[in-house]
Amino acid sequence: MRSRGVTLVQLKSAMGKRTKKVGICGKYGTRYGSSLRKIVKKIEISQHGTYTCAFCGKNTVKRTCVGIWECKKCKKVVAGGAWSISTPTALTVRSSIQRLRRSKNEA
């Protein structure tokens, strides 16, 4: 296939290589050290990902700003963690509340 004197093979080899390990943290280059970049990579992947909505069950919850999470399907807005939809502390509190409710209902 020829297009204005450039073949398809030449176009593929002219394209830039993708990152092998760094992923989303490639934008930082060699700055800040590898350990910090690995920590930031984990955080950035979790904050840019989608989560399951507790109300409609779809995998459409995305972060709009720090601590605010919105479901694109049912338009529900939930307050959560800064980087993930629920923090470890929130999970502990939720399980404690459920345990207390169960013990109250049984008694």
PDB file of N, CA and C in Angstrom:
ATOM      1  N   MET A   1       0.841  -1.178   0.000  1.00  0.00           N
ATOM      2  CA  MET A   1       0.000   0.000   0.000  1.00  0.00           C
ATOM      3  C   MET A   1       0.887   1.242   0.000  1.00  0.00           C
ATOM      4  N   ARG A   2       0.690   2.112  -0.991  1.00  0.00           N
ATOM      5  CA  ARG A   2       1.496   3.322  -1.075  1.00  0.00           C
ATOM      6  C   ARG A   2       0.603   4.536  -0.937  1.00  0.00           C
ATOM      7  N   SER A   3       1.086   5.493  -0.182  1.00  0.00           N
ATOM      8  CA  SER A   3       0.346   6.737  -0.012  1.00  0.00           C
ATOM      9  C   SER A   3       1.347   7.877  -0.002  1.00  0.00           C
ATOM     10  N   ARG A   4       1.424   8.599  -1.099  1.00  0.00           N
ATOM     11  CA  ARG A   4       2.339   9.734  -1.245  1.00  0.00           C
ATOM     12  C   ARG A   4       3.796   9.348  -1.006  1.00  0.00           C
ATOM     13  N   GLY A   5       4.187   8.195  -1.481  1.00  0.00           N
ATOM     14  CA  GLY A   5       5.585   7.799  -1.422  1.00  0.00           C
ATOM     15  C   GLY A   5       6.017   7.170  -0.107  1.00  0.00           C
ATOM     16  N   VAL A   6       5.124   7.011   0.853  1.00  0.00           N
ATOM     17  CA  VAL A   6       5.472   6.406   2.139  1.00  0.00           C
ATOM     18  C   VAL A   6       4.703   5.099   2.268  1.00  0.00           C
ATOM     19  N   THR A   7       5.437   4.019   2.549  1.00  0.00           N
ATOM     20  CA  THR A   7       4.765   2.728   2.692  1.00  0.00           C
ATOM     21  C   THR A   7       4.256   2.552   4.113  1.00  0.00           C
ATOM     22  N   LEU A   8       3.359   1.594   4.286  1.00  0.00           N
ATOM     23  CA  LEU A   8       2.775   1.318   5.593  1.00  0.00           C
ATOM     24  C   LEU A   8       3.829   0.813   6.568  1.00  0.00           C
ATOM     25  N   VAL A   9       4.797   0.043   6.074  1.00  0.00           N
ATOM     26  CA  VAL A   9       5.861  -0.481   6.923  1.00  0.00           C
ATOM     27  C   VAL A   9       6.694   0.663   7.480  1.00  0.00           C
ATOM     28  N   GLN A  10       6.976   1.664   6.667  1.00  0.00           N
ATOM     29  CA  GLN A  10       7.750   2.805   7.135  1.00  0.00           C
ATOM     30  C   GLN A  10       6.986   3.587   8.197  1.00  0.00           C
ATOM     31  N   LEU A  11       5.679   3.689   8.068  1.00  0.00           N
ATOM     32  CA  LEU A  11       4.887   4.406   9.064  1.00  0.00           C
ATOM     33  C   LEU A  11       4.915   3.700  10.410  1.00  0.00           C
ATOM     34  N   LYS A  12       4.811   2.361  10.399  1.00  0.00           N
ATOM     35  CA  LYS A  12       4.822   1.617  11.652  1.00  0.00           C
ATOM     36  C   LYS A  12       6.149   1.774  12.374  1.00  0.00           C
ATOM     37  N   SER A  13       7.252   1.741  11.642  1.00  0.00           N
ATOM     38  CA  SER A  13       8.552   1.855  12.289  1.00  0.00           C
ATOM     39  C   SER A  13       8.822   3.285  12.741  1.00  0.00           C
ATOM     40  N   ALA A  14       8.136   4.253  12.157  1.00  0.00           N
ATOM     41  CA  ALA A  14       8.341   5.639  12.545  1.00  0.00           C
ATOM     42  C   ALA A  14       7.554   6.005  13.806  1.00  0.00           C
ATOM     43  N   MET A  15       6.572   5.170  14.181  1.00  0.00           N
ATOM     44  CA  MET A  15       5.786   5.458  15.375  1.00  0.00           C
ATOM     45  C   MET A  15       6.625   5.239  16.621  1.00  0.00           C
ATOM     46  N   GLY A  16       6.356   6.006  17.670  1.00  0.00           N
ATOM     47  CA  GLY A  16       7.108   5.888  18.910  1.00  0.00           C
ATOM     48  C   GLY A  16       6.807   4.600  19.654  1.00  0.00           C
ATOM     49  N   LYS A  17       7.794   4.118  20.405  1.00  0.00           N
ATOM     50  CA  LYS A  17       7.596   2.910  21.194  1.00  0.00           C
ATOM     51  C   LYS A  17       6.785   3.243  22.439  1.00  0.00           C
ATOM     52  N   ARG A  18       5.973   2.286  22.884  1.00  0.00           N
ATOM     53  CA  ARG A  18       5.205   2.457  24.109  1.00  0.00           C
ATOM     54  C   ARG A  18       6.071   2.069  25.305  1.00  0.00           C
ATOM     55  N   THR A  19       5.592   2.391  26.508  1.00  0.00           N
ATOM     56  CA  THR A  19       6.358   2.061  27.699  1.00  0.00           C
ATOM     57  C   THR A  19       6.222   0.579  28.024  1.00  0.00           C
ATOM     58  N   LYS A  20       7.264   0.015  28.599  1.00  0.00           N
ATOM     59  CA  LYS A  20       7.251  -1.399  28.953  1.00  0.00           C
ATOM     60  C   LYS A  20       6.825  -1.595  30.406  1.00  0.00           C
ATOM     61  N   LYS A  21       7.384  -0.805  31.322  1.00  0.00           N
ATOM     62  CA  LYS A  21       7.115  -0.973  32.746  1.00  0.00           C
ATOM     63  C   LYS A  21       6.407   0.218  33.373  1.00  0.00           C
ATOM     64  N   VAL A  22       6.763   1.421  32.962  1.00  0.00           N
ATOM     65  CA  VAL A  22       6.338   2.603  33.711  1.00  0.00           C
ATOM     66  C   VAL A  22       4.866   2.939  33.535  1.00  0.00           C
ATOM     67  N   GLY A  23       4.285   2.631  32.392  1.00  0.00           N
ATOM     68  CA  GLY A  23       2.863   2.875  32.184  1.00  0.00           C
ATOM     69  C   GLY A  23       2.479   4.334  32.310  1.00  0.00           C
ATOM     70  N   ILE A  24       1.517   4.609  33.178  1.00  0.00           N
ATOM     71  CA  ILE A  24       0.968   5.953  33.328  1.00  0.00           C
ATOM     72  C   ILE A  24       1.993   6.931  33.909  1.00  0.00           C
ATOM     73  N   CYS A  25       3.047   6.419  34.542  1.00  0.00           N
ATOM     74  CA  CYS A  25       4.059   7.284  35.153  1.00  0.00           C
ATOM     75  C   CYS A  25       5.190   7.627  34.195  1.00  0.00           C
ATOM     76  N   GLY A  26       5.038   7.288  32.927  1.00  0.00           N
ATOM     77  CA  GLY A  26       6.054   7.646  31.950  1.00  0.00           C
ATOM     78  C   GLY A  26       6.194   9.141  31.789  1.00  0.00           C
ATOM     79  N   LYS A  27       5.144   9.879  32.155  1.00  0.00           N
ATOM     80  CA  LYS A  27       5.178  11.338  32.037  1.00  0.00           C
ATOM     81  C   LYS A  27       6.179  11.973  32.994  1.00  0.00           C
ATOM     82  N   TYR A  28       6.595  11.244  34.039  1.00  0.00           N
ATOM     83  CA  TYR A  28       7.551  11.796  34.995  1.00  0.00           C
ATOM     84  C   TYR A  28       8.997  11.569  34.574  1.00  0.00           C
ATOM     85  N   GLY A  29       9.216  10.749  33.550  1.00  0.00           N
ATOM     86  CA  GLY A  29      10.571  10.519  33.059  1.00  0.00           C
ATOM     87  C   GLY A  29      11.444   9.854  34.106  1.00  0.00           C
ATOM     88  N   THR A  30      12.661  10.367  34.269  1.00  0.00           N
ATOM     89  CA  THR A  30      13.590   9.785  35.242  1.00  0.00           C
ATOM     90  C   THR A  30      13.562  10.535  36.567  1.00  0.00           C
ATOM     91  N   ARG A  31      12.621  11.433  36.734  1.00  0.00           N
ATOM     92  CA  ARG A  31      12.561  12.234  37.959  1.00  0.00           C
ATOM     93  C   ARG A  31      11.915  11.472  39.116  1.00  0.00           C
ATOM     94  N   TYR A  32      12.207  11.879  40.322  1.00  0.00           N
ATOM     95  CA  TYR A  32      11.556  11.480  41.579  1.00  0.00           C
ATOM     96  C   TYR A  32      11.930  10.106  42.111  1.00  0.00           C
ATOM     97  N   GLY A  33      12.650   9.292  41.385  1.00  0.00           N
ATOM     98  CA  GLY A  33      13.057   7.982  41.879  1.00  0.00           C
ATOM     99  C   GLY A  33      12.042   6.895  41.562  1.00  0.00           C
ATOM    100  N   SER A  34      12.535   5.677  41.400  1.00  0.00           N
ATOM    101  CA  SER A  34      11.660   4.583  40.958  1.00  0.00           C
ATOM    102  C   SER A  34      10.659   4.173  42.025  1.00  0.00           C
ATOM    103  N   SER A  35      11.039   4.207  43.287  1.00  0.00           N
ATOM    104  CA  SER A  35      10.122   3.780  44.353  1.00  0.00           C
ATOM    105  C   SER A  35       8.910   4.691  44.427  1.00  0.00           C
ATOM    106  N   LEU A  36       9.142   5.993  44.373  1.00  0.00           N
ATOM    107  CA  LEU A  36       8.028   6.940  44.431  1.00  0.00           C
ATOM    108  C   LEU A  36       7.156   6.834  43.192  1.00  0.00           C
ATOM    109  N   ARG A  37       7.778   6.624  42.036  1.00  0.00           N
ATOM    110  CA  ARG A  37       6.987   6.488  40.808  1.00  0.00           C
ATOM    111  C   ARG A  37       6.125   5.231  40.838  1.00  0.00           C
ATOM    112  N   LYS A  38       6.614   4.144  41.450  1.00  0.00           N
ATOM    113  CA  LYS A  38       5.810   2.920  41.564  1.00  0.00           C
ATOM    114  C   LYS A  38       4.603   3.142  42.470  1.00  0.00           C
ATOM    115  N   ILE A  39       4.787   3.883  43.553  1.00  0.00           N
ATOM    116  CA  ILE A  39       3.675   4.194  44.457  1.00  0.00           C
ATOM    117  C   ILE A  39       2.648   5.056  43.738  1.00  0.00           C
ATOM    118  N   VAL A  40       3.125   6.073  43.030  1.00  0.00           N
ATOM    119  CA  VAL A  40       2.228   6.975  42.307  1.00  0.00           C
ATOM    120  C   VAL A  40       1.499   6.225  41.200  1.00  0.00           C
ATOM    121  N   LYS A  41       2.171   5.265  40.568  1.00  0.00           N
ATOM    122  CA  LYS A  41       1.535   4.481  39.504  1.00  0.00           C
ATOM    123  C   LYS A  41       0.323   3.738  40.039  1.00  0.00           C
ATOM    124  N   LYS A  42       0.473   3.102  41.203  1.00  0.00           N
ATOM    125  CA  LYS A  42      -0.634   2.364  41.802  1.00  0.00           C
ATOM    126  C   LYS A  42      -1.800   3.296  42.126  1.00  0.00           C
ATOM    127  N   ILE A  43      -1.486   4.467  42.671  1.00  0.00           N
ATOM    128  CA  ILE A  43      -2.526   5.438  43.036  1.00  0.00           C
ATOM    129  C   ILE A  43      -3.222   5.966  41.789  1.00  0.00           C
ATOM    130  N   GLU A  44      -2.466   6.330  40.766  1.00  0.00           N
ATOM    131  CA  GLU A  44      -3.064   6.909  39.562  1.00  0.00           C
ATOM    132  C   GLU A  44      -3.912   5.896  38.801  1.00  0.00           C
ATOM    133  N   ILE A  45      -3.502   4.641  38.787  1.00  0.00           N
ATOM    134  CA  ILE A  45      -4.313   3.616  38.128  1.00  0.00           C
ATOM    135  C   ILE A  45      -5.643   3.465  38.849  1.00  0.00           C
ATOM    136  N   SER A  46      -5.606   3.469  40.192  1.00  0.00           N
ATOM    137  CA  SER A  46      -6.858   3.304  40.938  1.00  0.00           C
ATOM    138  C   SER A  46      -7.761   4.521  40.810  1.00  0.00           C
ATOM    139  N   GLN A  47      -7.199   5.714  40.726  1.00  0.00           N
ATOM    140  CA  GLN A  47      -8.056   6.897  40.656  1.00  0.00           C
ATOM    141  C   GLN A  47      -8.632   7.120  39.267  1.00  0.00           C
ATOM    142  N   HIS A  48      -7.983   6.608  38.216  1.00  0.00           N
ATOM    143  CA  HIS A  48      -8.507   6.790  36.865  1.00  0.00           C
ATOM    144  C   HIS A  48      -9.381   5.628  36.409  1.00  0.00           C
ATOM    145  N   GLY A  49      -9.461   4.581  37.218  1.00  0.00           N
ATOM    146  CA  GLY A  49     -10.249   3.415  36.844  1.00  0.00           C
ATOM    147  C   GLY A  49     -11.734   3.605  37.089  1.00  0.00           C
ATOM    148  N   THR A  50     -12.525   2.624  36.651  1.00  0.00           N
ATOM    149  CA  THR A  50     -13.965   2.650  36.900  1.00  0.00           C
ATOM    150  C   THR A  50     -14.296   1.623  37.975  1.00  0.00           C
ATOM    151  N   TYR A  51     -15.337   1.910  38.739  1.00  0.00           N
ATOM    152  CA  TYR A  51     -15.755   1.058  39.841  1.00  0.00           C
ATOM    153  C   TYR A  51     -17.214   0.668  39.667  1.00  0.00           C
ATOM    154  N   THR A  52     -17.642  -0.353  40.398  1.00  0.00           N
ATOM    155  CA  THR A  52     -19.021  -0.826  40.331  1.00  0.00           C
ATOM    156  C   THR A  52     -19.913   0.063  41.185  1.00  0.00           C
ATOM    157  N   CYS A  53     -21.037   0.457  40.623  1.00  0.00           N
ATOM    158  CA  CYS A  53     -21.998   1.307  41.331  1.00  0.00           C
ATOM    159  C   CYS A  53     -22.774   0.454  42.334  1.00  0.00           C
ATOM    160  N   ALA A  54     -22.901   0.953  43.563  1.00  0.00           N
ATOM    161  CA  ALA A  54     -23.640   0.237  44.605  1.00  0.00           C
ATOM    162  C   ALA A  54     -25.142   0.315  44.380  1.00  0.00           C
ATOM    163  N   PHE A  55     -25.597   1.264  43.558  1.00  0.00           N
ATOM    164  CA  PHE A  55     -27.029   1.469  43.354  1.00  0.00           C
ATOM    165  C   PHE A  55     -27.552   0.713  42.136  1.00  0.00           C
ATOM    166  N   CYS A  56     -26.855   0.811  40.995  1.00  0.00           N
ATOM    167  CA  CYS A  56     -27.360   0.168  39.773  1.00  0.00           C
ATOM    168  C   CYS A  56     -26.566  -1.079  39.374  1.00  0.00           C
ATOM    169  N   GLY A  57     -25.396  -1.302  39.964  1.00  0.00           N
ATOM    170  CA  GLY A  57     -24.619  -2.501  39.680  1.00  0.00           C
ATOM    171  C   GLY A  57     -23.747  -2.430  38.442  1.00  0.00           C
ATOM    172  N   LYS A  58     -23.765  -1.320  37.724  1.00  0.00           N
ATOM    173  CA  LYS A  58     -22.948  -1.173  36.512  1.00  0.00           C
ATOM    174  C   LYS A  58     -21.529  -0.746  36.891  1.00  0.00           C
ATOM    175  N   ASN A  59     -20.595  -1.035  36.013  1.00  0.00           N
ATOM    176  CA  ASN A  59     -19.192  -0.679  36.238  1.00  0.00           C
ATOM    177  C   ASN A  59     -18.918   0.694  35.619  1.00  0.00           C
ATOM    178  N   THR A  60     -19.578   1.738  36.148  1.00  0.00           N
ATOM    179  CA  THR A  60     -19.512   3.054  35.514  1.00  0.00           C
ATOM    180  C   THR A  60     -19.201   4.189  36.482  1.00  0.00           C
ATOM    181  N   VAL A  61     -18.746   3.894  37.687  1.00  0.00           N
ATOM    182  CA  VAL A  61     -18.440   4.953  38.648  1.00  0.00           C
ATOM    183  C   VAL A  61     -17.042   5.478  38.372  1.00  0.00           C
ATOM    184  N   LYS A  62     -16.945   6.784  38.142  1.00  0.00           N
ATOM    185  CA  LYS A  62     -15.653   7.425  37.895  1.00  0.00           C
ATOM    186  C   LYS A  62     -15.481   8.612  38.823  1.00  0.00           C
ATOM    187  N   ARG A  63     -14.241   8.982  39.047  1.00  0.00           N
ATOM    188  CA  ARG A  63     -13.905  10.098  39.925  1.00  0.00           C
ATOM    189  C   ARG A  63     -14.078  11.405  39.167  1.00  0.00           C
ATOM    190  N   THR A  64     -14.827  12.346  39.753  1.00  0.00           N
ATOM    191  CA  THR A  64     -14.994  13.652  39.118  1.00  0.00           C
ATOM    192  C   THR A  64     -13.990  14.650  39.672  1.00  0.00           C
ATOM    193  N   CYS A  65     -13.796  14.661  40.980  1.00  0.00           N
ATOM    194  CA  CYS A  65     -12.763  15.462  41.621  1.00  0.00           C
ATOM    195  C   CYS A  65     -12.405  14.770  42.933  1.00  0.00           C
ATOM    196  N   VAL A  66     -11.570  15.382  43.749  1.00  0.00           N
ATOM    197  CA  VAL A  66     -11.053  14.723  44.942  1.00  0.00           C
ATOM    198  C   VAL A  66     -12.197  14.318  45.873  1.00  0.00           C
ATOM    199  N   GLY A  67     -12.370  13.016  46.061  1.00  0.00           N
ATOM    200  CA  GLY A  67     -13.366  12.502  46.990  1.00  0.00           C
ATOM    201  C   GLY A  67     -14.781  12.435  46.460  1.00  0.00           C
ATOM    202  N   ILE A  68     -15.032  12.859  45.225  1.00  0.00           N
ATOM    203  CA  ILE A  68     -16.374  12.834  44.642  1.00  0.00           C
ATOM    204  C   ILE A  68     -16.389  11.814  43.509  1.00  0.00           C
ATOM    205  N   TRP A  69     -17.303  10.848  43.593  1.00  0.00           N
ATOM    206  CA  TRP A  69     -17.416   9.769  42.618  1.00  0.00           C
ATOM    207  C   TRP A  69     -18.822   9.775  42.045  1.00  0.00           C
ATOM    208  N   GLU A  70     -18.933   9.705  40.710  1.00  0.00           N
ATOM    209  CA  GLU A  70     -20.226   9.792  40.049  1.00  0.00           C
ATOM    210  C   GLU A  70     -20.440   8.588  39.141  1.00  0.00           C
ATOM    211  N   CYS A  71     -21.650   8.028  39.209  1.00  0.00           N
ATOM    212  CA  CYS A  71     -22.041   6.941  38.313  1.00  0.00           C
ATOM    213  C   CYS A  71     -22.548   7.559  37.018  1.00  0.00           C
ATOM    214  N   LYS A  72     -21.975   7.153  35.903  1.00  0.00           N
ATOM    215  CA  LYS A  72     -22.372   7.705  34.606  1.00  0.00           C
ATOM    216  C   LYS A  72     -23.726   7.161  34.158  1.00  0.00           C
ATOM    217  N   LYS A  73     -24.136   6.013  34.686  1.00  0.00           N
ATOM    218  CA  LYS A  73     -25.391   5.387  34.275  1.00  0.00           C
ATOM    219  C   LYS A  73     -26.590   5.962  35.032  1.00  0.00           C
ATOM    220  N   CYS A  74     -26.548   5.907  36.371  1.00  0.00           N
ATOM    221  CA  CYS A  74     -27.709   6.343  37.155  1.00  0.00           C
ATOM    222  C   CYS A  74     -27.541   7.745  37.739  1.00  0.00           C
ATOM    223  N   LYS A  75     -26.411   8.395  37.462  1.00  0.00           N
ATOM    224  CA  LYS A  75     -26.142   9.781  37.866  1.00  0.00           C
ATOM    225  C   LYS A  75     -26.090   9.988  39.381  1.00  0.00           C
ATOM    226  N   LYS A  76     -25.864   8.924  40.148  1.00  0.00           N
ATOM    227  CA  LYS A  76     -25.723   9.062  41.597  1.00  0.00           C
ATOM    228  C   LYS A  76     -24.323   9.586  41.894  1.00  0.00           C
ATOM    229  N   VAL A  77     -24.227  10.468  42.890  1.00  0.00           N
ATOM    230  CA  VAL A  77     -22.942  11.023  43.307  1.00  0.00           C
ATOM    231  C   VAL A  77     -22.662  10.537  44.722  1.00  0.00           C
ATOM    232  N   VAL A  78     -21.448  10.012  44.938  1.00  0.00           N
ATOM    233  CA  VAL A  78     -21.079   9.431  46.220  1.00  0.00           C
ATOM    234  C   VAL A  78     -19.789  10.085  46.693  1.00  0.00           C
ATOM    235  N   ALA A  79     -19.712  10.358  47.992  1.00  0.00           N
ATOM    236  CA  ALA A  79     -18.465  10.829  48.580  1.00  0.00           C
ATOM    237  C   ALA A  79     -17.642   9.614  48.968  1.00  0.00           C
ATOM    238  N   GLY A  80     -16.367   9.630  48.622  1.00  0.00           N
ATOM    239  CA  GLY A  80     -15.509   8.488  48.918  1.00  0.00           C
ATOM    240  C   GLY A  80     -14.101   8.952  49.206  1.00  0.00           C
ATOM    241  N   GLY A  81     -13.146   8.089  48.933  1.00  0.00           N
ATOM    242  CA  GLY A  81     -11.756   8.429  49.148  1.00  0.00           C
ATOM    243  C   GLY A  81     -11.221   9.304  48.030  1.00  0.00           C
ATOM    244  N   ALA A  82     -10.041   9.833  48.243  1.00  0.00           N
ATOM    245  CA  ALA A  82      -9.448  10.723  47.248  1.00  0.00           C
ATOM    246  C   ALA A  82      -8.996   9.957  46.012  1.00  0.00           C
ATOM    247  N   TRP A  83      -8.473   8.737  46.190  1.00  0.00           N
ATOM    248  CA  TRP A  83      -7.933   7.990  45.060  1.00  0.00           C
ATOM    249  C   TRP A  83      -8.730   6.752  44.718  1.00  0.00           C
ATOM    250  N   SER A  84      -9.472   6.207  45.676  1.00  0.00           N
ATOM    251  CA  SER A  84     -10.338   5.060  45.410  1.00  0.00           C
ATOM    252  C   SER A  84     -11.700   5.336  46.015  1.00  0.00           C
ATOM    253  N   ILE A  85     -12.689   4.597  45.553  1.00  0.00           N
ATOM    254  CA  ILE A  85     -14.067   4.909  45.936  1.00  0.00           C
ATOM    255  C   ILE A  85     -14.325   4.678  47.426  1.00  0.00           C
ATOM    256  N   SER A  86     -13.604   3.762  48.054  1.00  0.00           N
ATOM    257  CA  SER A  86     -13.758   3.580  49.499  1.00  0.00           C
ATOM    258  C   SER A  86     -12.382   3.388  50.125  1.00  0.00           C
ATOM    259  N   THR A  87     -12.194   3.985  51.283  1.00  0.00           N
ATOM    260  CA  THR A  87     -10.921   3.908  51.983  1.00  0.00           C
ATOM    261  C   THR A  87     -10.918   2.690  52.901  1.00  0.00           C
ATOM    262  N   PRO A  88      -9.749   2.225  53.318  1.00  0.00           N
ATOM    263  CA  PRO A  88      -9.693   1.106  54.267  1.00  0.00           C
ATOM    264  C   PRO A  88     -10.411   1.418  55.580  1.00  0.00           C
ATOM    265  N   THR A  89     -10.345   2.666  56.028  1.00  0.00           N
ATOM    266  CA  THR A  89     -11.046   3.066  57.245  1.00  0.00           C
ATOM    267  C   THR A  89     -12.555   2.950  57.066  1.00  0.00           C
ATOM    268  N   ALA A  90     -13.053   3.361  55.901  1.00  0.00           N
ATOM    269  CA  ALA A  90     -14.488   3.270  55.632  1.00  0.00           C
ATOM    270  C   ALA A  90     -14.948   1.816  55.613  1.00  0.00           C
ATOM    271  N   LEU A  91     -14.135   0.920  55.070  1.00  0.00           N
ATOM    272  CA  LEU A  91     -14.486  -0.501  55.059  1.00  0.00           C
ATOM    273  C   LEU A  91     -14.567  -1.055  56.480  1.00  0.00           C
ATOM    274  N   THR A  92     -13.637  -0.648  57.347  1.00  0.00           N
ATOM    275  CA  THR A  92     -13.645  -1.090  58.739  1.00  0.00           C
ATOM    276  C   THR A  92     -14.892  -0.600  59.457  1.00  0.00           C
ATOM    277  N   VAL A  93     -15.224   0.671  59.260  1.00  0.00           N
ATOM    278  CA  VAL A  93     -16.408   1.249  59.900  1.00  0.00           C
ATOM    279  C   VAL A  93     -17.670   0.559  59.406  1.00  0.00           C
ATOM    280  N   ARG A  94     -17.759   0.323  58.106  1.00  0.00           N
ATOM    281  CA  ARG A  94     -18.944  -0.319  57.536  1.00  0.00           C
ATOM    282  C   ARG A  94     -19.135  -1.728  58.097  1.00  0.00           C
ATOM    283  N   SER A  95     -18.043  -2.491  58.210  1.00  0.00           N
ATOM    284  CA  SER A  95     -18.157  -3.851  58.748  1.00  0.00           C
ATOM    285  C   SER A  95     -18.527  -3.827  60.227  1.00  0.00           C
ATOM    286  N   SER A  96     -18.018  -2.843  60.980  1.00  0.00           N
ATOM    287  CA  SER A  96     -18.372  -2.719  62.398  1.00  0.00           C
ATOM    288  C   SER A  96     -19.850  -2.394  62.566  1.00  0.00           C
ATOM    289  N   ILE A  97     -20.366  -1.496  61.737  1.00  0.00           N
ATOM    290  CA  ILE A  97     -21.785  -1.130  61.803  1.00  0.00           C
ATOM    291  C   ILE A  97     -22.660  -2.337  61.480  1.00  0.00           C
ATOM    292  N   GLN A  98     -22.282  -3.103  60.450  1.00  0.00           N
ATOM    293  CA  GLN A  98     -23.052  -4.301  60.103  1.00  0.00           C
ATOM    294  C   GLN A  98     -23.043  -5.315  61.239  1.00  0.00           C
ATOM    295  N   ARG A  99     -21.898  -5.499  61.875  1.00  0.00           N
ATOM    296  CA  ARG A  99     -21.789  -6.446  62.983  1.00  0.00           C
ATOM    297  C   ARG A  99     -22.672  -6.009  64.144  1.00  0.00           C
ATOM    298  N   LEU A 100     -22.666  -4.704  64.475  1.00  0.00           N
ATOM    299  CA  LEU A 100     -23.497  -4.197  65.563  1.00  0.00           C
ATOM    300  C   LEU A 100     -24.985  -4.323  65.241  1.00  0.00           C
ATOM    301  N   ARG A 101     -25.369  -4.087  63.985  1.00  0.00           N
ATOM    302  CA  ARG A 101     -26.773  -4.234  63.591  1.00  0.00           C
ATOM    303  C   ARG A 101     -27.228  -5.681  63.716  1.00  0.00           C
ATOM    304  N   ARG A 102     -26.352  -6.621  63.295  1.00  0.00           N
ATOM    305  CA  ARG A 102     -26.696  -8.036  63.412  1.00  0.00           C
ATOM    306  C   ARG A 102     -26.874  -8.445  64.865  1.00  0.00           C
ATOM    307  N   SER A 103     -25.966  -7.992  65.727  1.00  0.00           N
ATOM    308  CA  SER A 103     -26.063  -8.357  67.143  1.00  0.00           C
ATOM    309  C   SER A 103     -27.293  -7.720  67.791  1.00  0.00           C
ATOM    310  N   LYS A 104     -27.677  -6.524  67.349  1.00  0.00           N
ATOM    311  CA  LYS A 104     -28.866  -5.854  67.887  1.00  0.00           C
ATOM    312  C   LYS A 104     -30.137  -6.588  67.459  1.00  0.00           C
ATOM    313  N   ASN A 105     -30.181  -7.048  66.200  1.00  0.00           N
ATOM    314  CA  ASN A 105     -31.350  -7.769  65.698  1.00  0.00           C
ATOM    315  C   ASN A 105     -31.507  -9.141  66.352  1.00  0.00           C
ATOM    316  N   GLU A 106     -30.399  -9.803  66.655  1.00  0.00           N
ATOM    317  CA  GLU A 106     -30.447 -11.122  67.285  1.00  0.00           C
ATOM    318  C   GLU A 106     -30.868 -11.031  68.745  1.00  0.00           C
ATOM    319  N   ALA A 107     -30.519  -9.945  69.403  1.00  0.00           N
ATOM    320  CA  ALA A 107     -30.822  -9.811  70.840  1.00  0.00           C
ATOM    321  C   ALA A 107     -32.242  -9.356  71.110  1.00  0.00           C
TER     322      ALA A 107
END
